[in-house]
Amino acid sequence: MAYMGQTYYPWWLNNLADDVTGESAFMEGVAQGAEAVRSIVLAARKIYEDQQFSFVGDYGDNGFIEEYTTPIQGKPTSVVVTIARNAAGKAQHIVVNHWPRSSVLLLARLMGERFAGTPLAKLFITSSS
């Protein structure tokens, strides 16, 4: 993963507030807490086949945004991630938007398979959903 010729790793992934929240169209509900949000983000990154970043940077006083594309099982997928920082500069609220809808549903199913049998399974499409 590169942005402007440099290897890119999201700063916020290792700088989550303890009470961070994360939400996305591929989820049913909101993930709460650093461990849950980090687990979901890392699992999604393993599903992504390649991230091609078009923009990474600050917006406003406490915001950060990432825009990229990535195939998911060969399906072209666009993604926008917005991060709101708290007063300490930690990622407090993360929202991830994917499109088209077919990619959202595919990712929800793949994440459901990954988290089946765990407390996070309730956030995704599973065989028992």
Protein backbone atom coordinates (compact mmCIF):
# COMPACT_ATOMS: atom_id res chain seq x y z
CA MET A 1 0.00 0.00 0.00
CA ALA A 2 1.45 3.29 -1.05
CA TYR A 3 0.42 6.91 -1.13
CA MET A 4 2.43 9.41 -3.15
CA GLY A 5 5.22 6.86 -3.58
CA GLN A 6 5.54 6.17 0.15
CA THR A 7 4.52 3.07 2.07
CA TYR A 8 1.31 3.92 3.90
CA TYR A 9 0.20 2.58 7.26
CA PRO A 10 -2.69 4.38 9.00
CA TRP A 11 -1.33 6.31 12.00
CA TRP A 12 -4.67 6.02 13.73
CA LEU A 13 -4.68 2.22 13.87
CA ASN A 14 -2.08 2.27 16.64
CA ASN A 15 -3.51 5.44 18.18
CA LEU A 16 -7.09 4.48 19.06
CA ALA A 17 -8.85 5.98 22.06
CA ASP A 18 -9.84 3.31 24.58
CA ASP A 19 -13.51 4.14 23.95
CA VAL A 20 -13.22 4.54 20.16
CA THR A 21 -16.27 3.72 18.06
CA GLY A 22 -16.33 2.41 14.52
CA GLU A 23 -19.13 2.06 12.05
CA SER A 24 -19.63 1.14 8.44
CA ALA A 25 -22.33 0.17 5.98
CA PHE A 26 -20.93 -3.41 6.06
CA MET A 27 -21.75 -3.57 9.78
CA GLU A 28 -25.00 -3.80 11.69
CA GLY A 29 -24.46 -1.54 14.67
CA VAL A 30 -21.38 0.12 16.09
CA ALA A 31 -18.11 -1.45 17.20
CA GLN A 32 -16.97 -0.10 20.55
CA GLY A 33 -13.53 -0.13 22.10
CA ALA A 34 -9.99 -0.19 20.77
CA GLU A 35 -9.69 -3.98 20.67
CA ALA A 36 -12.91 -4.48 18.69
CA VAL A 37 -12.22 -1.66 16.22
CA ARG A 38 -8.61 -2.75 15.66
CA SER A 39 -9.70 -6.38 15.09
CA ILE A 40 -12.28 -5.33 12.50
CA VAL A 41 -9.91 -3.01 10.65
CA LEU A 42 -7.13 -5.60 10.53
CA ALA A 43 -9.53 -8.29 9.29
CA ALA A 44 -10.84 -6.01 6.55
CA ARG A 45 -7.29 -5.12 5.48
CA LYS A 46 -6.60 -8.85 5.00
CA ILE A 47 -9.63 -9.12 2.72
CA TYR A 48 -8.57 -6.13 0.63
CA GLU A 49 -6.47 -7.30 -2.30
CA ASP A 50 -4.66 -4.01 -2.89
CA GLN A 51 -5.25 -0.48 -1.67
CA GLN A 52 -4.63 2.32 -4.15
CA PHE A 53 -4.79 5.59 -2.22
CA SER A 54 -5.93 8.78 -3.93
CA PHE A 55 -5.94 10.98 -0.81
CA VAL A 56 -4.79 10.81 2.79
CA GLY A 57 -4.82 13.84 5.06
CA ASP A 58 -6.29 16.12 7.65
CA TYR A 59 -9.55 18.00 7.30
CA GLY A 60 -10.89 20.56 9.73
CA ASP A 61 -9.49 20.87 13.22
CA ASN A 62 -9.90 17.25 14.35
CA GLY A 63 -10.56 15.23 11.22
CA PHE A 64 -8.59 12.88 9.01
CA ILE A 65 -9.67 11.22 5.78
CA GLU A 66 -8.48 8.38 3.55
CA GLU A 67 -9.78 7.73 0.04
CA TYR A 68 -8.78 4.60 -1.83
CA THR A 69 -9.87 1.79 -4.09
CA THR A 70 -9.35 -1.91 -3.52
CA PRO A 71 -10.58 -5.10 -5.16
CA ILE A 72 -12.51 -7.45 -2.88
CA GLN A 73 -12.50 -10.90 -4.47
CA GLY A 74 -11.82 -9.12 -7.77
CA LYS A 75 -14.73 -6.67 -7.40
CA PRO A 76 -13.61 -3.04 -7.72
CA THR A 77 -14.46 -1.22 -4.49
CA SER A 78 -14.14 2.43 -3.52
CA VAL A 79 -13.62 3.43 0.10
CA VAL A 80 -13.69 6.63 2.14
CA VAL A 81 -12.60 6.53 5.77
CA THR A 82 -13.20 9.45 8.12
CA ILE A 83 -11.56 9.68 11.51
CA ALA A 84 -12.46 12.16 14.23
CA ARG A 85 -9.70 12.81 16.75
CA ASN A 86 -10.34 13.58 20.42
CA ALA A 87 -8.60 16.36 22.39
CA ALA A 88 -5.63 14.02 23.04
CA GLY A 89 -5.19 13.44 19.28
CA LYS A 90 -6.37 9.83 19.40
CA ALA A 91 -8.82 8.34 16.91
CA GLN A 92 -12.19 8.64 18.65
CA HIS A 93 -14.73 7.85 15.92
CA ILE A 94 -14.15 6.04 12.64
CA VAL A 95 -16.61 5.74 9.78
CA VAL A 96 -15.79 3.58 6.75
CA ASN A 97 -17.90 3.81 3.58
CA HIS A 98 -17.57 1.29 0.75
CA TRP A 99 -19.34 1.18 -2.59
CA PRO A 100 -20.90 -0.23 -4.72
CA ARG A 101 -23.52 -2.01 -2.62
CA SER A 102 -22.49 -5.41 -3.97
CA SER A 103 -19.05 -4.87 -2.42
CA VAL A 104 -20.61 -3.77 0.87
CA LEU A 105 -22.66 -6.98 1.05
CA LEU A 106 -19.71 -9.14 0.00
CA LEU A 107 -17.50 -7.60 2.68
CA ALA A 108 -20.27 -8.05 5.30
CA ARG A 109 -20.47 -11.77 4.46
CA LEU A 110 -16.68 -12.23 4.45
CA MET A 111 -16.37 -10.44 7.78
CA GLY A 112 -19.22 -12.58 9.13
CA GLU A 113 -17.25 -15.69 8.18
CA ARG A 114 -14.12 -14.28 9.82
CA PHE A 115 -15.86 -13.40 13.09
CA ALA A 116 -18.29 -16.34 13.27
CA GLY A 117 -18.51 -17.66 16.80
CA THR A 118 -17.10 -14.47 18.35
CA PRO A 119 -18.87 -11.61 20.09
CA LEU A 120 -18.24 -9.44 16.99
CA ALA A 121 -20.25 -11.79 14.74
CA LYS A 122 -23.44 -9.90 15.58
CA LEU A 123 -22.11 -6.94 13.55
CA PHE A 124 -21.96 -8.88 10.28
CA ILE A 125 -23.88 -11.16 7.94
CA THR A 126 -23.45 -14.74 9.15
CA SER A 127 -25.04 -18.03 8.16
CA SER A 128 -27.30 -17.69 11.21
CA SER A 129 -28.31 -14.08 10.37
